[in-house]
Amino acid sequence: MEVVSFFKTQHHFIFITKYRHPILKGNVDVEIPELTRQTCNAFEIEMLENIVSKTMLTC
């Protein structure tokens, strides 16, 4: 059976606290991107960008 269609989807996830209060503490800026990368690799997902600050996480 021949593949006759191809789909490319991109999703943008942003996790933000209410009123943007800084709740992320410690070395979360190192740990979260690494965990996100591992999860993406496990599901064969290509991560284009990963931004972490004290008030938000963008994937």
PDB file of N, CA and C in Angstrom:
ATOM      1  N   MET A   1       0.844  -1.178   0.000  1.00  0.00           N
ATOM      2  CA  MET A   1       0.000   0.000   0.000  1.00  0.00           C
ATOM      3  C   MET A   1       0.892   1.245   0.000  1.00  0.00           C
ATOM      4  N   GLU A   2       0.605   2.162  -0.856  1.00  0.00           N
ATOM      5  CA  GLU A   2       1.411   3.369  -1.003  1.00  0.00           C
ATOM      6  C   GLU A   2       0.857   4.513  -0.147  1.00  0.00           C
ATOM      7  N   VAL A   3       1.751   5.238   0.499  1.00  0.00           N
ATOM      8  CA  VAL A   3       1.341   6.405   1.284  1.00  0.00           C
ATOM      9  C   VAL A   3       1.048   7.545   0.318  1.00  0.00           C
ATOM     10  N   VAL A   4      -0.149   8.101   0.416  1.00  0.00           N
ATOM     11  CA  VAL A   4      -0.545   9.153  -0.521  1.00  0.00           C
ATOM     12  C   VAL A   4      -0.757  10.505   0.148  1.00  0.00           C
ATOM     13  N   SER A   5      -0.576  10.573   1.448  1.00  0.00           N
ATOM     14  CA  SER A   5      -0.733  11.860   2.131  1.00  0.00           C
ATOM     15  C   SER A   5       0.294  11.979   3.255  1.00  0.00           C
ATOM     16  N   PHE A   6       0.557  13.201   3.620  1.00  0.00           N
ATOM     17  CA  PHE A   6       1.541  13.489   4.654  1.00  0.00           C
ATOM     18  C   PHE A   6       1.022  14.666   5.469  1.00  0.00           C
ATOM     19  N   PHE A   7       1.116  14.571   6.788  1.00  0.00           N
ATOM     20  CA  PHE A   7       0.645  15.637   7.660  1.00  0.00           C
ATOM     21  C   PHE A   7       1.794  16.140   8.515  1.00  0.00           C
ATOM     22  N   LYS A   8       1.875  17.432   8.636  1.00  0.00           N
ATOM     23  CA  LYS A   8       2.855  18.047   9.528  1.00  0.00           C
ATOM     24  C   LYS A   8       2.089  18.974  10.459  1.00  0.00           C
ATOM     25  N   THR A   9       2.145  18.686  11.742  1.00  0.00           N
ATOM     26  CA  THR A   9       1.451  19.527  12.713  1.00  0.00           C
ATOM     27  C   THR A   9       2.461  20.104  13.686  1.00  0.00           C
ATOM     28  N   GLN A  10       2.181  21.298  14.138  1.00  0.00           N
ATOM     29  CA  GLN A  10       3.018  21.937  15.146  1.00  0.00           C
ATOM     30  C   GLN A  10       2.111  22.429  16.261  1.00  0.00           C
ATOM     31  N   HIS A  11       2.508  22.152  17.485  1.00  0.00           N
ATOM     32  CA  HIS A  11       1.734  22.569  18.654  1.00  0.00           C
ATOM     33  C   HIS A  11       2.615  23.439  19.533  1.00  0.00           C
ATOM     34  N   HIS A  12       1.995  24.410  20.154  1.00  0.00           N
ATOM     35  CA  HIS A  12       2.713  25.340  21.024  1.00  0.00           C
ATOM     36  C   HIS A  12       2.069  25.259  22.401  1.00  0.00           C
ATOM     37  N   PHE A  13       2.837  24.850  23.400  1.00  0.00           N
ATOM     38  CA  PHE A  13       2.330  24.729  24.764  1.00  0.00           C
ATOM     39  C   PHE A  13       2.960  25.809  25.634  1.00  0.00           C
ATOM     40  N   ILE A  14       2.119  26.520  26.367  1.00  0.00           N
ATOM     41  CA  ILE A  14       2.605  27.533  27.301  1.00  0.00           C
ATOM     42  C   ILE A  14       1.943  27.280  28.648  1.00  0.00           C
ATOM     43  N   PHE A  15       2.751  27.108  29.670  1.00  0.00           N
ATOM     44  CA  PHE A  15       2.258  26.933  31.030  1.00  0.00           C
ATOM     45  C   PHE A  15       2.594  28.201  31.804  1.00  0.00           C
ATOM     46  N   ILE A  16       1.564  28.929  32.241  1.00  0.00           N
ATOM     47  CA  ILE A  16       1.760  30.202  32.934  1.00  0.00           C
ATOM     48  C   ILE A  16       0.951  30.189  34.225  1.00  0.00           C
ATOM     49  N   THR A  17       1.533  30.705  35.293  1.00  0.00           N
ATOM     50  CA  THR A  17       0.818  30.792  36.565  1.00  0.00           C
ATOM     51  C   THR A  17      -0.165  31.958  36.531  1.00  0.00           C
ATOM     52  N   LYS A  18      -1.175  31.878  37.354  1.00  0.00           N
ATOM     53  CA  LYS A  18      -2.151  32.959  37.439  1.00  0.00           C
ATOM     54  C   LYS A  18      -1.453  34.229  37.910  1.00  0.00           C
ATOM     55  N   TYR A  19      -1.712  35.307  37.265  1.00  0.00           N
ATOM     56  CA  TYR A  19      -1.106  36.613  37.557  1.00  0.00           C
ATOM     57  C   TYR A  19       0.409  36.609  37.381  1.00  0.00           C
ATOM     58  N   ARG A  20       0.944  35.570  36.747  1.00  0.00           N
ATOM     59  CA  ARG A  20       2.376  35.448  36.450  1.00  0.00           C
ATOM     60  C   ARG A  20       3.258  35.567  37.689  1.00  0.00           C
ATOM     61  N   HIS A  21       2.795  35.013  38.802  1.00  0.00           N
ATOM     62  CA  HIS A  21       3.610  34.999  40.018  1.00  0.00           C
ATOM     63  C   HIS A  21       4.797  34.058  39.820  1.00  0.00           C
ATOM     64  N   PRO A  22       5.995  34.452  40.229  1.00  0.00           N
ATOM     65  CA  PRO A  22       7.171  33.587  40.076  1.00  0.00           C
ATOM     66  C   PRO A  22       7.157  32.445  41.097  1.00  0.00           C
ATOM     67  N   ILE A  23       6.828  31.237  40.644  1.00  0.00           N
ATOM     68  CA  ILE A  23       6.777  30.096  41.559  1.00  0.00           C
ATOM     69  C   ILE A  23       7.849  29.054  41.247  1.00  0.00           C
ATOM     70  N   LEU A  24       8.456  29.128  40.081  1.00  0.00           N
ATOM     71  CA  LEU A  24       9.485  28.163  39.715  1.00  0.00           C
ATOM     72  C   LEU A  24      10.784  28.565  40.400  1.00  0.00           C
ATOM     73  N   LYS A  25      11.326  27.669  41.219  1.00  0.00           N
ATOM     74  CA  LYS A  25      12.511  27.991  42.020  1.00  0.00           C
ATOM     75  C   LYS A  25      13.612  26.965  41.793  1.00  0.00           C
ATOM     76  N   GLY A  26      14.798  27.293  42.238  1.00  0.00           N
ATOM     77  CA  GLY A  26      15.926  26.369  42.133  1.00  0.00           C
ATOM     78  C   GLY A  26      16.463  26.292  40.718  1.00  0.00           C
ATOM     79  N   ASN A  27      16.980  25.135  40.352  1.00  0.00           N
ATOM     80  CA  ASN A  27      17.551  24.962  39.017  1.00  0.00           C
ATOM     81  C   ASN A  27      16.534  24.367  38.043  1.00  0.00           C
ATOM     82  N   VAL A  28      15.295  24.796  38.175  1.00  0.00           N
ATOM     83  CA  VAL A  28      14.227  24.313  37.308  1.00  0.00           C
ATOM     84  C   VAL A  28      14.500  24.663  35.845  1.00  0.00           C
ATOM     85  N   ASP A  29      15.239  25.744  35.598  1.00  0.00           N
ATOM     86  CA  ASP A  29      15.555  26.131  34.228  1.00  0.00           C
ATOM     87  C   ASP A  29      16.476  25.130  33.541  1.00  0.00           C
ATOM     88  N   VAL A  30      17.109  24.250  34.305  1.00  0.00           N
ATOM     89  CA  VAL A  30      17.941  23.188  33.744  1.00  0.00           C
ATOM     90  C   VAL A  30      17.174  21.869  33.704  1.00  0.00           C
ATOM     91  N   GLU A  31      16.426  21.568  34.750  1.00  0.00           N
ATOM     92  CA  GLU A  31      15.739  20.280  34.868  1.00  0.00           C
ATOM     93  C   GLU A  31      14.552  20.143  33.908  1.00  0.00           C
ATOM     94  N   ILE A  32      13.719  21.155  33.800  1.00  0.00           N
ATOM     95  CA  ILE A  32      12.522  21.052  32.957  1.00  0.00           C
ATOM     96  C   ILE A  32      12.869  20.858  31.481  1.00  0.00           C
ATOM     97  N   PRO A  33      13.793  21.633  30.903  1.00  0.00           N
ATOM     98  CA  PRO A  33      14.133  21.371  29.500  1.00  0.00           C
ATOM     99  C   PRO A  33      14.670  19.963  29.267  1.00  0.00           C
ATOM    100  N   GLU A  34      15.451  19.442  30.209  1.00  0.00           N
ATOM    101  CA  GLU A  34      15.985  18.085  30.054  1.00  0.00           C
ATOM    102  C   GLU A  34      14.866  17.049  30.109  1.00  0.00           C
ATOM    103  N   LEU A  35      13.940  17.190  31.050  1.00  0.00           N
ATOM    104  CA  LEU A  35      12.803  16.263  31.131  1.00  0.00           C
ATOM    105  C   LEU A  35      11.922  16.359  29.887  1.00  0.00           C
ATOM    106  N   THR A  36      11.720  17.561  29.398  1.00  0.00           N
ATOM    107  CA  THR A  36      10.927  17.754  28.182  1.00  0.00           C
ATOM    108  C   THR A  36      11.610  17.092  26.994  1.00  0.00           C
ATOM    109  N   ARG A  37      12.926  17.256  26.884  1.00  0.00           N
ATOM    110  CA  ARG A  37      13.683  16.635  25.796  1.00  0.00           C
ATOM    111  C   ARG A  37      13.580  15.110  25.849  1.00  0.00           C
ATOM    112  N   GLN A  38      13.710  14.540  27.045  1.00  0.00           N
ATOM    113  CA  GLN A  38      13.619  13.086  27.200  1.00  0.00           C
ATOM    114  C   GLN A  38      12.237  12.576  26.800  1.00  0.00           C
ATOM    115  N   THR A  39      11.200  13.288  27.221  1.00  0.00           N
ATOM    116  CA  THR A  39       9.832  12.885  26.885  1.00  0.00           C
ATOM    117  C   THR A  39       9.600  12.972  25.380  1.00  0.00           C
ATOM    118  N   CYS A  40      10.055  14.041  24.765  1.00  0.00           N
ATOM    119  CA  CYS A  40       9.903  14.188  23.316  1.00  0.00           C
ATOM    120  C   CYS A  40      10.640  13.081  22.569  1.00  0.00           C
ATOM    121  N   ASN A  41      11.838  12.753  23.007  1.00  0.00           N
ATOM    122  CA  ASN A  41      12.595  11.672  22.371  1.00  0.00           C
ATOM    123  C   ASN A  41      11.883  10.333  22.511  1.00  0.00           C
ATOM    124  N   ALA A  42      11.275  10.079  23.665  1.00  0.00           N
ATOM    125  CA  ALA A  42      10.575   8.811  23.884  1.00  0.00           C
ATOM    126  C   ALA A  42       9.394   8.648  22.929  1.00  0.00           C
ATOM    127  N   PHE A  43       8.747   9.744  22.582  1.00  0.00           N
ATOM    128  CA  PHE A  43       7.587   9.700  21.690  1.00  0.00           C
ATOM    129  C   PHE A  43       7.929  10.118  20.261  1.00  0.00           C
ATOM    130  N   GLU A  44       9.219  10.228  19.961  1.00  0.00           N
ATOM    131  CA  GLU A  44       9.710  10.616  18.636  1.00  0.00           C
ATOM    132  C   GLU A  44       9.092  11.935  18.176  1.00  0.00           C
ATOM    133  N   ILE A  45       9.127  12.919  19.071  1.00  0.00           N
ATOM    134  CA  ILE A  45       8.609  14.255  18.789  1.00  0.00           C
ATOM    135  C   ILE A  45       9.795  15.199  18.661  1.00  0.00           C
ATOM    136  N   GLU A  46       9.770  16.036  17.639  1.00  0.00           N
ATOM    137  CA  GLU A  46      10.838  17.015  17.452  1.00  0.00           C
ATOM    138  C   GLU A  46      10.487  18.295  18.203  1.00  0.00           C
ATOM    139  N   MET A  47      11.333  18.678  19.141  1.00  0.00           N
ATOM    140  CA  MET A  47      11.106  19.897  19.908  1.00  0.00           C
ATOM    141  C   MET A  47      11.859  21.032  19.224  1.00  0.00           C
ATOM    142  N   LEU A  48      11.127  22.061  18.803  1.00  0.00           N
ATOM    143  CA  LEU A  48      11.741  23.167  18.090  1.00  0.00           C
ATOM    144  C   LEU A  48      12.298  24.235  19.021  1.00  0.00           C
ATOM    145  N   GLU A  49      11.644  24.423  20.168  1.00  0.00           N
ATOM    146  CA  GLU A  49      12.057  25.483  21.077  1.00  0.00           C
ATOM    147  C   GLU A  49      11.606  25.131  22.484  1.00  0.00           C
ATOM    148  N   ASN A  50      12.365  25.553  23.479  1.00  0.00           N
ATOM    149  CA  ASN A  50      12.012  25.302  24.872  1.00  0.00           C
ATOM    150  C   ASN A  50      12.523  26.473  25.700  1.00  0.00           C
ATOM    151  N   ILE A  51      11.611  27.262  26.254  1.00  0.00           N
ATOM    152  CA  ILE A  51      11.975  28.445  27.032  1.00  0.00           C
ATOM    153  C   ILE A  51      11.412  28.300  28.439  1.00  0.00           C
ATOM    154  N   VAL A  52      12.242  28.521  29.444  1.00  0.00           N
ATOM    155  CA  VAL A  52      11.811  28.440  30.838  1.00  0.00           C
ATOM    156  C   VAL A  52      12.196  29.734  31.534  1.00  0.00           C
ATOM    157  N   SER A  53      11.241  30.316  32.257  1.00  0.00           N
ATOM    158  CA  SER A  53      11.542  31.458  33.121  1.00  0.00           C
ATOM    159  C   SER A  53      10.887  31.187  34.472  1.00  0.00           C
ATOM    160  N   LYS A  54      11.028  32.082  35.406  1.00  0.00           N
ATOM    161  CA  LYS A  54      10.459  31.870  36.743  1.00  0.00           C
ATOM    162  C   LYS A  54       8.934  31.938  36.739  1.00  0.00           C
ATOM    163  N   THR A  55       8.330  32.483  35.677  1.00  0.00           N
ATOM    164  CA  THR A  55       6.872  32.625  35.640  1.00  0.00           C
ATOM    165  C   THR A  55       6.199  31.788  34.570  1.00  0.00           C
ATOM    166  N   MET A  56       6.965  31.204  33.633  1.00  0.00           N
ATOM    167  CA  MET A  56       6.315  30.434  32.572  1.00  0.00           C
ATOM    168  C   MET A  56       7.246  29.393  31.976  1.00  0.00           C
ATOM    169  N   LEU A  57       6.619  28.440  31.294  1.00  0.00           N
ATOM    170  CA  LEU A  57       7.323  27.386  30.567  1.00  0.00           C
ATOM    171  C   LEU A  57       6.718  27.331  29.181  1.00  0.00           C
ATOM    172  N   THR A  58       7.531  27.472  28.155  1.00  0.00           N
ATOM    173  CA  THR A  58       7.061  27.449  26.773  1.00  0.00           C
ATOM    174  C   THR A  58       7.730  26.294  26.053  1.00  0.00           C
ATOM    175  N   CYS A  59       6.921  25.450  25.410  1.00  0.00           N
ATOM    176  CA  CYS A  59       7.446  24.329  24.632  1.00  0.00           C
ATOM    177  C   CYS A  59       6.882  24.379  23.233  1.00  0.00           C
TER     178      CYS A  59
END
